[in-house]
Amino acid sequence: AVGGGRVIKGWDRGIRGMKVGGRREIVVPPRLGYGNQSPTP
């Protein structure tokens, strides 16, 4: 769900406004991504 806080902030904001059939490049700085709490090596 968009804006539901289930994904990184960069996604909640970055996907907003897209329309079906669209392809978008989203560049997410660390503070809107995982910061220093990386989920994976």
Full PDB file with SEQRES, HELIX, SHEET, SSBOND, CRYST1, ORIGX, SCALE, CONECT and MASTER records, all heavy atoms in Angstrom:
SEQRES   1 A   41  ALA VAL GLY GLY GLY ARG VAL ILE LYS GLY TRP ASP ARG          
SEQRES   2 A   41  GLY ILE ARG GLY MET LYS VAL GLY GLY ARG ARG GLU ILE          
SEQRES   3 A   41  VAL VAL PRO PRO ARG LEU GLY TYR GLY ASN GLN SER PRO          
SEQRES   4 A   41  THR PRO                                                      
HELIX    1 AA1 LYS A    9  GLY A   14  1                                   6    
HELIX    2 AA2 PRO A   30  LEU A   32  5                                   3    
CRYST1    1.000    1.000    1.000  90.00  90.00  90.00 P 1           1          
ORIGX1      1.000000  0.000000  0.000000        0.00000                         
ORIGX2      0.000000  1.000000  0.000000        0.00000                         
ORIGX3      0.000000  0.000000  1.000000        0.00000                         
SCALE1      1.000000  0.000000  0.000000        0.00000                         
SCALE2      0.000000  1.000000  0.000000        0.00000                         
SCALE3      0.000000  0.000000  1.000000        0.00000                         
ATOM      1  N   ALA A   1       0.858  -1.188   0.000  1.00  0.00           N  
ATOM      2  CA  ALA A   1       0.000   0.000   0.000  1.00  0.00           C  
ATOM      3  C   ALA A   1       0.897   1.241   0.000  1.00  0.00           C  
ATOM      4  O   ALA A   1       1.764   1.388   0.863  1.00  0.00           O  
ATOM      5  CB  ALA A   1      -0.896   0.001   1.229  1.00  0.00           C  
ATOM      6  N   VAL A   2       0.691   2.104  -0.976  1.00  0.00           N  
ATOM      7  CA  VAL A   2       1.501   3.324  -1.106  1.00  0.00           C  
ATOM      8  C   VAL A   2       1.294   4.215   0.125  1.00  0.00           C  
ATOM      9  O   VAL A   2       0.160   4.439   0.555  1.00  0.00           O  
ATOM     10  CB  VAL A   2       1.119   4.101  -2.387  1.00  0.00           C  
ATOM     11  CG1 VAL A   2       1.937   5.385  -2.501  1.00  0.00           C  
ATOM     12  CG2 VAL A   2       1.320   3.239  -3.618  1.00  0.00           C  
ATOM     13  N   GLY A   3       2.395   4.696   0.680  1.00  0.00           N  
ATOM     14  CA  GLY A   3       2.314   5.619   1.806  1.00  0.00           C  
ATOM     15  C   GLY A   3       2.000   4.944   3.126  1.00  0.00           C  
ATOM     16  O   GLY A   3       1.778   5.611   4.130  1.00  0.00           O  
ATOM     17  N   GLY A   4       2.000   3.606   3.143  1.00  0.00           N  
ATOM     18  CA  GLY A   4       1.633   2.884   4.360  1.00  0.00           C  
ATOM     19  C   GLY A   4       2.781   2.595   5.303  1.00  0.00           C  
ATOM     20  O   GLY A   4       2.604   1.972   6.337  1.00  0.00           O  
ATOM     21  N   GLY A   5       3.997   3.014   4.937  1.00  0.00           N  
ATOM     22  CA  GLY A   5       5.143   2.789   5.807  1.00  0.00           C  
ATOM     23  C   GLY A   5       5.637   1.353   5.819  1.00  0.00           C  
ATOM     24  O   GLY A   5       6.426   0.972   6.672  1.00  0.00           O  
ATOM     25  N   ARG A   6       5.188   0.543   4.847  1.00  0.00           N  
ATOM     26  CA  ARG A   6       5.615  -0.864   4.782  1.00  0.00           C  
ATOM     27  C   ARG A   6       6.923  -1.023   4.014  1.00  0.00           C  
ATOM     28  O   ARG A   6       7.534  -2.075   4.023  1.00  0.00           O  
ATOM     29  CB  ARG A   6       4.544  -1.703   4.059  1.00  0.00           C  
ATOM     30  CG  ARG A   6       3.283  -1.885   4.839  1.00  0.00           C  
ATOM     31  CD  ARG A   6       3.582  -2.703   6.079  1.00  0.00           C  
ATOM     32  NE  ARG A   6       2.429  -2.828   6.941  1.00  0.00           N  
ATOM     33  CZ  ARG A   6       1.898  -3.990   7.279  1.00  0.00           C  
ATOM     34  NH1 ARG A   6       2.386  -5.101   6.809  1.00  0.00           N  
ATOM     35  NH2 ARG A   6       0.881  -4.023   8.103  1.00  0.00           N  
ATOM     36  N   VAL A   7       7.277   0.017   3.292  1.00  0.00           N  
ATOM     37  CA  VAL A   7       8.480  -0.024   2.460  1.00  0.00           C  
ATOM     38  C   VAL A   7       9.343   1.168   2.856  1.00  0.00           C  
ATOM     39  O   VAL A   7       8.921   2.024   3.640  1.00  0.00           O  
ATOM     40  CB  VAL A   7       8.120   0.049   0.954  1.00  0.00           C  
ATOM     41  CG1 VAL A   7       7.399  -1.218   0.518  1.00  0.00           C  
ATOM     42  CG2 VAL A   7       7.273   1.273   0.639  1.00  0.00           C  
ATOM     43  N   ILE A   8      10.547   1.241   2.304  1.00  0.00           N  
ATOM     44  CA  ILE A   8      11.408   2.388   2.610  1.00  0.00           C  
ATOM     45  C   ILE A   8      10.732   3.685   2.146  1.00  0.00           C  
ATOM     46  O   ILE A   8       9.945   3.684   1.201  1.00  0.00           O  
ATOM     47  CB  ILE A   8      12.808   2.226   1.959  1.00  0.00           C  
ATOM     48  CG1 ILE A   8      12.712   2.037   0.441  1.00  0.00           C  
ATOM     49  CG2 ILE A   8      13.571   1.080   2.611  1.00  0.00           C  
ATOM     50  CD1 ILE A   8      14.048   2.038  -0.270  1.00  0.00           C  
ATOM     51  N   LYS A   9      11.052   4.770   2.839  1.00  0.00           N  
ATOM     52  CA  LYS A   9      10.424   6.072   2.542  1.00  0.00           C  
ATOM     53  C   LYS A   9      10.606   6.479   1.090  1.00  0.00           C  
ATOM     54  O   LYS A   9       9.727   7.083   0.483  1.00  0.00           O  
ATOM     55  CB  LYS A   9      11.007   7.162   3.441  1.00  0.00           C  
ATOM     56  CG  LYS A   9      10.545   7.082   4.878  1.00  0.00           C  
ATOM     57  CD  LYS A   9      10.925   8.388   5.605  1.00  0.00           C  
ATOM     58  CE  LYS A   9      10.419   8.377   7.029  1.00  0.00           C  
ATOM     59  NZ  LYS A   9      11.232   7.485   7.880  1.00  0.00           N  
ATOM     60  N   GLY A  10      11.763   6.162   0.535  1.00  0.00           N  
ATOM     61  CA  GLY A  10      12.033   6.525  -0.850  1.00  0.00           C  
ATOM     62  C   GLY A  10      11.051   5.889  -1.820  1.00  0.00           C  
ATOM     63  O   GLY A  10      10.752   6.452  -2.871  1.00  0.00           O  
ATOM     64  N   TRP A  11      10.523   4.720  -1.439  1.00  0.00           N  
ATOM     65  CA  TRP A  11       9.516   4.061  -2.276  1.00  0.00           C  
ATOM     66  C   TRP A  11       8.153   4.695  -2.073  1.00  0.00           C  
ATOM     67  O   TRP A  11       7.454   4.959  -3.029  1.00  0.00           O  
ATOM     68  CB  TRP A  11       9.449   2.579  -1.923  1.00  0.00           C  
ATOM     69  CG  TRP A  11      10.304   1.745  -2.794  1.00  0.00           C  
ATOM     70  CD1 TRP A  11      11.599   2.000  -3.154  1.00  0.00           C  
ATOM     71  CD2 TRP A  11       9.942   0.521  -3.418  1.00  0.00           C  
ATOM     72  NE1 TRP A  11      12.056   0.997  -3.957  1.00  0.00           N  
ATOM     73  CE2 TRP A  11      11.063   0.073  -4.135  1.00  0.00           C  
ATOM     74  CE3 TRP A  11       8.776  -0.233  -3.422  1.00  0.00           C  
ATOM     75  CZ2 TRP A  11      11.052  -1.104  -4.864  1.00  0.00           C  
ATOM     76  CZ3 TRP A  11       8.772  -1.413  -4.153  1.00  0.00           C  
ATOM     77  CH2 TRP A  11       9.896  -1.841  -4.859  1.00  0.00           C  
ATOM     78  N   ASP A  12       7.772   4.892  -0.791  1.00  0.00           N  
ATOM     79  CA  ASP A  12       6.465   5.491  -0.521  1.00  0.00           C  
ATOM     80  C   ASP A  12       6.331   6.819  -1.267  1.00  0.00           C  
ATOM     81  O   ASP A  12       5.281   7.135  -1.803  1.00  0.00           O  
ATOM     82  CB  ASP A  12       6.275   5.706   0.985  1.00  0.00           C  
ATOM     83  CG  ASP A  12       5.579   4.519   1.657  1.00  0.00           C  
ATOM     84  OD1 ASP A  12       4.946   3.721   0.940  1.00  0.00           O  
ATOM     85  OD2 ASP A  12       5.654   4.409   2.889  1.00  0.00           O  
ATOM     86  N   ARG A  13       7.420   7.593  -1.301  1.00  0.00           N  
ATOM     87  CA  ARG A  13       7.374   8.884  -2.002  1.00  0.00           C  
ATOM     88  C   ARG A  13       7.617   8.754  -3.495  1.00  0.00           C  
ATOM     89  O   ARG A  13       7.019   9.470  -4.287  1.00  0.00           O  
ATOM     90  CB  ARG A  13       8.445   9.817  -1.428  1.00  0.00           C  
ATOM     91  CG  ARG A  13       8.167  10.180   0.015  1.00  0.00           C  
ATOM     92  CD  ARG A  13       9.192  11.186   0.476  1.00  0.00           C  
ATOM     93  NE  ARG A  13       9.182  11.276   1.916  1.00  0.00           N  
ATOM     94  CZ  ARG A  13      10.045  12.007   2.603  1.00  0.00           C  
ATOM     95  NH1 ARG A  13      10.993  12.679   1.989  1.00  0.00           N  
ATOM     96  NH2 ARG A  13       9.973  12.055   3.908  1.00  0.00           N  
ATOM     97  N   GLY A  14       8.533   7.845  -3.844  1.00  0.00           N  
ATOM     98  CA  GLY A  14       8.993   7.781  -5.234  1.00  0.00           C  
ATOM     99  C   GLY A  14       8.004   7.167  -6.204  1.00  0.00           C  
ATOM    100  O   GLY A  14       8.032   7.456  -7.395  1.00  0.00           O  
ATOM    101  N   ILE A  15       7.114   6.311  -5.681  1.00  0.00           N  
ATOM    102  CA  ILE A  15       6.167   5.618  -6.567  1.00  0.00           C  
ATOM    103  C   ILE A  15       4.886   6.425  -6.723  1.00  0.00           C  
ATOM    104  O   ILE A  15       4.169   6.289  -7.709  1.00  0.00           O  
ATOM    105  CB  ILE A  15       5.922   4.192  -6.031  1.00  0.00           C  
ATOM    106  CG1 ILE A  15       7.176   3.366  -6.308  1.00  0.00           C  
ATOM    107  CG2 ILE A  15       4.695   3.554  -6.658  1.00  0.00           C  
ATOM    108  CD1 ILE A  15       7.207   2.000  -5.717  1.00  0.00           C  
ATOM    109  N   ARG A  16       4.649   7.311  -5.745  1.00  0.00           N  
ATOM    110  CA  ARG A  16       3.464   8.175  -5.809  1.00  0.00           C  
ATOM    111  C   ARG A  16       3.397   8.912  -7.146  1.00  0.00           C  
ATOM    112  O   ARG A  16       4.423   9.423  -7.616  1.00  0.00           O  
ATOM    113  CB  ARG A  16       3.614   9.235  -4.710  1.00  0.00           C  
ATOM    114  CG  ARG A  16       2.352   9.473  -3.957  1.00  0.00           C  
ATOM    115  CD  ARG A  16       2.549  10.552  -2.957  1.00  0.00           C  
ATOM    116  NE  ARG A  16       3.296  10.101  -1.785  1.00  0.00           N  
ATOM    117  CZ  ARG A  16       3.718  10.923  -0.817  1.00  0.00           C  
ATOM    118  NH1 ARG A  16       3.526  12.214  -0.915  1.00  0.00           N  
ATOM    119  NH2 ARG A  16       4.350  10.450   0.211  1.00  0.00           N  
ATOM    120  N   GLY A  17       2.214   8.941  -7.739  1.00  0.00           N  
ATOM    121  CA  GLY A  17       2.068   9.692  -9.000  1.00  0.00           C  
ATOM    122  C   GLY A  17       2.377   8.886 -10.240  1.00  0.00           C  
ATOM    123  O   GLY A  17       2.098   9.326 -11.349  1.00  0.00           O  
ATOM    124  N   MET A  18       2.974   7.703 -10.077  1.00  0.00           N  
ATOM    125  CA  MET A  18       3.201   6.843 -11.245  1.00  0.00           C  
ATOM    126  C   MET A  18       1.862   6.348 -11.747  1.00  0.00           C  
ATOM    127  O   MET A  18       0.910   6.228 -10.978  1.00  0.00           O  
ATOM    128  CB  MET A  18       4.024   5.603 -10.862  1.00  0.00           C  
ATOM    129  CG  MET A  18       5.498   5.760 -10.929  1.00  0.00           C  
ATOM    130  SD  MET A  18       6.313   4.146 -10.602  1.00  0.00           S  
ATOM    131  CE  MET A  18       6.405   3.450 -12.272  1.00  0.00           C  
ATOM    132  N   LYS A  19       1.805   6.031 -13.033  1.00  0.00           N  
ATOM    133  CA  LYS A  19       0.583   5.439 -13.591  1.00  0.00           C  
ATOM    134  C   LYS A  19       0.902   4.041 -14.107  1.00  0.00           C  
ATOM    135  O   LYS A  19       2.036   3.765 -14.509  1.00  0.00           O  
ATOM    136  CB  LYS A  19       0.056   6.318 -14.722  1.00  0.00           C  
ATOM    137  CG  LYS A  19      -0.443   7.650 -14.164  1.00  0.00           C  
ATOM    138  CD  LYS A  19      -1.258   8.406 -15.176  1.00  0.00           C  
ATOM    139  CE  LYS A  19      -1.965   9.557 -14.477  1.00  0.00           C  
ATOM    140  NZ  LYS A  19      -1.827  10.794 -15.199  1.00  0.00           N  
ATOM    141  N   VAL A  20      -0.126   3.185 -14.075  1.00  0.00           N  
ATOM    142  CA  VAL A  20       0.051   1.799 -14.520  1.00  0.00           C  
ATOM    143  C   VAL A  20       0.608   1.783 -15.943  1.00  0.00           C  
ATOM    144  O   VAL A  20       0.165   2.552 -16.800  1.00  0.00           O  
ATOM    145  CB  VAL A  20      -1.287   1.025 -14.439  1.00  0.00           C  
ATOM    146  CG1 VAL A  20      -1.184  -0.333 -15.125  1.00  0.00           C  
ATOM    147  CG2 VAL A  20      -1.694   0.850 -12.984  1.00  0.00           C  
ATOM    148  N   GLY A  21       1.580   0.899 -16.147  1.00  0.00           N  
ATOM    149  CA  GLY A  21       2.259   0.831 -17.447  1.00  0.00           C  
ATOM    150  C   GLY A  21       3.541   1.636 -17.431  1.00  0.00           C  
ATOM    151  O   GLY A  21       4.346   1.545 -18.346  1.00  0.00           O  
ATOM    152  N   GLY A  22       3.740   2.407 -16.364  1.00  0.00           N  
ATOM    153  CA  GLY A  22       4.936   3.240 -16.268  1.00  0.00           C  
ATOM    154  C   GLY A  22       6.134   2.488 -15.725  1.00  0.00           C  
ATOM    155  O   GLY A  22       5.994   1.483 -15.017  1.00  0.00           O  
ATOM    156  N   ARG A  23       7.302   3.000 -16.079  1.00  0.00           N  
ATOM    157  CA  ARG A  23       8.577   2.492 -15.559  1.00  0.00           C  
ATOM    158  C   ARG A  23       9.340   3.707 -15.074  1.00  0.00           C  
ATOM    159  O   ARG A  23       9.504   4.676 -15.818  1.00  0.00           O  
ATOM    160  CB  ARG A  23       9.345   1.770 -16.653  1.00  0.00           C  
ATOM    161  CG  ARG A  23      10.774   1.423 -16.261  1.00  0.00           C  
ATOM    162  CD  ARG A  23      11.457   0.536 -17.293  1.00  0.00           C  
ATOM    163  NE  ARG A  23      10.990  -0.846 -17.153  1.00  0.00           N  
ATOM    164  CZ  ARG A  23      11.457  -1.848 -17.896  1.00  0.00           C  
ATOM    165  NH1 ARG A  23      12.347  -1.640 -18.845  1.00  0.00           N  
ATOM    166  NH2 ARG A  23      10.998  -3.076 -17.712  1.00  0.00           N  
ATOM    167  N   ARG A  24       9.792   3.674 -13.834  1.00  0.00           N  
ATOM    168  CA  ARG A  24      10.430   4.847 -13.238  1.00  0.00           C  
ATOM    169  C   ARG A  24      11.734   4.456 -12.550  1.00  0.00           C  
ATOM    170  O   ARG A  24      11.804   3.429 -11.895  1.00  0.00           O  
ATOM    171  CB  ARG A  24       9.456   5.454 -12.215  1.00  0.00           C  
ATOM    172  CG  ARG A  24       9.979   6.686 -11.513  1.00  0.00           C  
ATOM    173  CD  ARG A  24       8.923   7.275 -10.595  1.00  0.00           C  
ATOM    174  NE  ARG A  24       7.947   8.069 -11.339  1.00  0.00           N  
ATOM    175  CZ  ARG A  24       6.963   8.751 -10.755  1.00  0.00           C  
ATOM    176  NH1 ARG A  24       6.804   8.726  -9.457  1.00  0.00           N  
ATOM    177  NH2 ARG A  24       6.139   9.466 -11.492  1.00  0.00           N  
ATOM    178  N   GLU A  25      12.719   5.312 -12.743  1.00  0.00           N  
ATOM    179  CA  GLU A  25      13.979   5.178 -12.009  1.00  0.00           C  
ATOM    180  C   GLU A  25      13.866   6.023 -10.748  1.00  0.00           C  
ATOM    181  O   GLU A  25      13.487   7.188 -10.819  1.00  0.00           O  
ATOM    182  CB  GLU A  25      15.127   5.690 -12.875  1.00  0.00           C  
ATOM    183  CG  GLU A  25      16.467   5.680 -12.168  1.00  0.00           C  
ATOM    184  CD  GLU A  25      17.472   6.504 -12.949  1.00  0.00           C  
ATOM    185  OE1 GLU A  25      17.509   7.739 -12.773  1.00  0.00           O  
ATOM    186  OE2 GLU A  25      18.223   5.911 -13.745  1.00  0.00           O  
ATOM    187  N   ILE A  26      14.147   5.404  -9.611  1.00  0.00           N  
ATOM    188  CA  ILE A  26      14.069   6.103  -8.321  1.00  0.00           C  
ATOM    189  C   ILE A  26      15.429   5.977  -7.640  1.00  0.00           C  
ATOM    190  O   ILE A  26      15.898   4.854  -7.401  1.00  0.00           O  
ATOM    191  CB  ILE A  26      12.967   5.479  -7.428  1.00  0.00           C  
ATOM    192  CG1 ILE A  26      11.618   5.479  -8.168  1.00  0.00           C  
ATOM    193  CG2 ILE A  26      12.863   6.219  -6.103  1.00  0.00           C  
ATOM    194  CD1 ILE A  26      10.510   4.736  -7.441  1.00  0.00           C  
ATOM    195  N   VAL A  27      16.054   7.114  -7.381  1.00  0.00           N  
ATOM    196  CA  VAL A  27      17.346   7.112  -6.688  1.00  0.00           C  
ATOM    197  C   VAL A  27      17.084   7.564  -5.256  1.00  0.00           C  
ATOM    198  O   VAL A  27      16.576   8.658  -5.021  1.00  0.00           O  
ATOM    199  CB  VAL A  27      18.377   8.026  -7.388  1.00  0.00           C  
ATOM    200  CG1 VAL A  27      19.730   7.933  -6.679  1.00  0.00           C  
ATOM    201  CG2 VAL A  27      18.521   7.643  -8.863  1.00  0.00           C  
ATOM    202  N   VAL A  28      17.411   6.665  -4.310  1.00  0.00           N  
ATOM    203  CA  VAL A  28      17.034   6.844  -2.914  1.00  0.00           C  
ATOM    204  C   VAL A  28      18.277   7.079  -2.051  1.00  0.00           C  
ATOM    205  O   VAL A  28      19.117   6.184  -1.928  1.00  0.00           O  
ATOM    206  CB  VAL A  28      16.290   5.584  -2.408  1.00  0.00           C  
ATOM    207  CG1 VAL A  28      15.864   5.750  -0.955  1.00  0.00           C  
ATOM    208  CG2 VAL A  28      15.077   5.276  -3.296  1.00  0.00           C  
ATOM    209  N   PRO A  29      18.386   8.284  -1.452  1.00  0.00           N  
ATOM    210  CA  PRO A  29      19.521   8.517  -0.548  1.00  0.00           C  
ATOM    211  C   PRO A  29      19.363   7.671   0.724  1.00  0.00           C  
ATOM    212  O   PRO A  29      18.235   7.256   1.051  1.00  0.00           O  
ATOM    213  CB  PRO A  29      19.429  10.012  -0.233  1.00  0.00           C  
ATOM    214  CG  PRO A  29      18.004  10.379  -0.459  1.00  0.00           C  
ATOM    215  CD  PRO A  29      17.471   9.435  -1.510  1.00  0.00           C  
ATOM    216  N   PRO A  30      20.464   7.415   1.440  1.00  0.00           N  
ATOM    217  CA  PRO A  30      20.404   6.512   2.596  1.00  0.00           C  
ATOM    218  C   PRO A  30      19.332   6.874   3.623  1.00  0.00           C  
ATOM    219  O   PRO A  30      18.681   5.988   4.162  1.00  0.00           O  
ATOM    220  CB  PRO A  30      21.798   6.615   3.230  1.00  0.00           C  
ATOM    221  CG  PRO A  30      22.660   7.326   2.255  1.00  0.00           C  
ATOM    222  CD  PRO A  30      21.814   7.917   1.186  1.00  0.00           C  
ATOM    223  N   ARG A  31      19.097   8.165   3.857  1.00  0.00           N  
ATOM    224  CA  ARG A  31      18.119   8.512   4.909  1.00  0.00           C  
ATOM    225  C   ARG A  31      16.694   8.142   4.517  1.00  0.00           C  
ATOM    226  O   ARG A  31      15.824   8.027   5.373  1.00  0.00           O  
ATOM    227  CB  ARG A  31      18.216   9.996   5.302  1.00  0.00           C  
ATOM    228  CG  ARG A  31      17.850  10.954   4.244  1.00  0.00           C  
ATOM    229  CD  ARG A  31      18.164  12.415   4.587  1.00  0.00           C  
ATOM    230  NE  ARG A  31      17.997  13.206   3.390  1.00  0.00           N  
ATOM    231  CZ  ARG A  31      16.826  13.585   2.904  1.00  0.00           C  
ATOM    232  NH1 ARG A  31      15.714  13.282   3.535  1.00  0.00           N  
ATOM    233  NH2 ARG A  31      16.754  14.279   1.799  1.00  0.00           N  
ATOM    234  N   LEU A  32      16.443   7.951   3.226  1.00  0.00           N  
ATOM    235  CA  LEU A  32      15.112   7.510   2.778  1.00  0.00           C  
ATOM    236  C   LEU A  32      15.143   6.040   2.375  1.00  0.00           C  
ATOM    237  O   LEU A  32      14.158   5.498   1.893  1.00  0.00           O  
ATOM    238  CB  LEU A  32      14.627   8.369   1.607  1.00  0.00           C  
ATOM    239  CG  LEU A  32      14.445   9.855   1.915  1.00  0.00           C  
ATOM    240  CD1 LEU A  32      14.081  10.617   0.657  1.00  0.00           C  
ATOM    241  CD2 LEU A  32      13.384  10.067   2.982  1.00  0.00           C  
ATOM    242  N   GLY A  33      16.315   5.421   2.557  1.00  0.00           N  
ATOM    243  CA  GLY A  33      16.472   3.995   2.256  1.00  0.00           C  
ATOM    244  C   GLY A  33      16.686   3.236   3.547  1.00  0.00           C  
ATOM    245  O   GLY A  33      15.875   3.316   4.460  1.00  0.00           O  
ATOM    246  N   TYR A  34      17.814   2.537   3.640  1.00  0.00           N  
ATOM    247  CA  TYR A  34      18.075   1.732   4.834  1.00  0.00           C  
ATOM    248  C   TYR A  34      19.045   2.398   5.800  1.00  0.00           C  
ATOM    249  O   TYR A  34      19.326   1.859   6.859  1.00  0.00           O  
ATOM    250  CB  TYR A  34      18.620   0.358   4.421  1.00  0.00           C  
ATOM    251  CG  TYR A  34      17.613  -0.452   3.659  1.00  0.00           C  
ATOM    252  CD1 TYR A  34      17.782  -0.712   2.301  1.00  0.00           C  
ATOM    253  CD2 TYR A  34      16.472  -0.949   4.286  1.00  0.00           C  
ATOM    254  CE1 TYR A  34      16.843  -1.454   1.598  1.00  0.00           C  
ATOM    255  CE2 TYR A  34      15.530  -1.688   3.588  1.00  0.00           C  
ATOM    256  CZ  TYR A  34      15.722  -1.943   2.241  1.00  0.00           C  
ATOM    257  OH  TYR A  34      14.794  -2.662   1.557  1.00  0.00           O  
ATOM    258  N   GLY A  35      19.578   3.573   5.428  1.00  0.00           N  
ATOM    259  CA  GLY A  35      20.525   4.242   6.315  1.00  0.00           C  
ATOM    260  C   GLY A  35      21.667   3.309   6.665  1.00  0.00           C  
ATOM    261  O   GLY A  35      22.235   2.668   5.785  1.00  0.00           O  
ATOM    262  N   ASN A  36      21.962   3.199   7.954  1.00  0.00           N  
ATOM    263  CA  ASN A  36      23.025   2.290   8.383  1.00  0.00           C  
ATOM    264  C   ASN A  36      22.485   0.933   8.824  1.00  0.00           C  
ATOM    265  O   ASN A  36      23.241   0.068   9.219  1.00  0.00           O  
ATOM    266  CB  ASN A  36      23.846   2.937   9.496  1.00  0.00           C  
ATOM    267  CG  ASN A  36      24.637   4.114   8.939  1.00  0.00           C  
ATOM    268  OD1 ASN A  36      25.149   4.046   7.824  1.00  0.00           O  
ATOM    269  ND2 ASN A  36      24.717   5.200   9.688  1.00  0.00           N  
ATOM    270  N   GLN A  37      21.152   0.771   8.761  1.00  0.00           N  
ATOM    271  CA  GLN A  37      20.520  -0.487   9.179  1.00  0.00           C  
ATOM    272  C   GLN A  37      20.250  -1.362   7.967  1.00  0.00           C  
ATOM    273  O   GLN A  37      19.103  -1.601   7.619  1.00  0.00           O  
ATOM    274  CB  GLN A  37      19.181  -0.194   9.887  1.00  0.00           C  
ATOM    275  CG  GLN A  37      19.275   0.786  11.021  1.00  0.00           C  
ATOM    276  CD  GLN A  37      20.133   0.241  12.149  1.00  0.00           C  
ATOM    277  OE1 GLN A  37      19.958  -0.895  12.561  1.00  0.00           O  
ATOM    278  NE2 GLN A  37      21.068   1.034  12.624  1.00  0.00           N  
ATOM    279  N   SER A  38      21.289  -1.809   7.326  1.00  0.00           N  
ATOM    280  CA  SER A  38      21.088  -2.579   6.110  1.00  0.00           C  
ATOM    281  C   SER A  38      20.503  -3.958   6.400  1.00  0.00           C  
ATOM    282  O   SER A  38      20.953  -4.628   7.319  1.00  0.00           O  
ATOM    283  CB  SER A  38      22.408  -2.734   5.381  1.00  0.00           C  
ATOM    284  OG  SER A  38      22.248  -3.661   4.343  1.00  0.00           O  
ATOM    285  N   PRO A  39      19.510  -4.385   5.601  1.00  0.00           N  
ATOM    286  CA  PRO A  39      18.904  -5.705   5.817  1.00  0.00           C  
ATOM    287  C   PRO A  39      19.741  -6.838   5.235  1.00  0.00           C  
ATOM    288  O   PRO A  39      19.458  -8.003   5.461  1.00  0.00           O  
ATOM    289  CB  PRO A  39      17.581  -5.601   5.063  1.00  0.00           C  
ATOM    290  CG  PRO A  39      17.872  -4.639   3.954  1.00  0.00           C  
ATOM    291  CD  PRO A  39      18.874  -3.655   4.501  1.00  0.00           C  
ATOM    292  N   THR A  40      20.751  -6.513   4.470  1.00  0.00           N  
ATOM    293  CA  THR A  40      21.514  -7.555   3.759  1.00  0.00           C  
ATOM    294  C   THR A  40      22.945  -7.100   3.526  1.00  0.00           C  
ATOM    295  O   THR A  40      23.189  -5.908   3.296  1.00  0.00           O  
ATOM    296  CB  THR A  40      20.840  -7.863   2.399  1.00  0.00           C  
ATOM    297  OG1 THR A  40      21.836  -8.430   1.515  1.00  0.00           O  
ATOM    298  CG2 THR A  40      20.312  -6.621   1.710  1.00  0.00           C  
ATOM    299  N   PRO A  41      23.896  -8.038   3.564  1.00  0.00           N  
ATOM    300  CA  PRO A  41      25.297  -7.687   3.287  1.00  0.00           C  
ATOM    301  C   PRO A  41      25.502  -7.107   1.884  1.00  0.00           C  
ATOM    302  O   PRO A  41      26.499  -6.444   1.627  1.00  0.00           O  
ATOM    303  CB  PRO A  41      26.055  -9.003   3.426  1.00  0.00           C  
ATOM    304  CG  PRO A  41      25.102  -9.987   3.998  1.00  0.00           C  
ATOM    305  CD  PRO A  41      23.712  -9.451   3.864  1.00  0.00           C  
TER     306      PRO A  41                                                      
MASTER        0    0    0    2    0    0    0    6  305    1    0    4          
END                                                                             
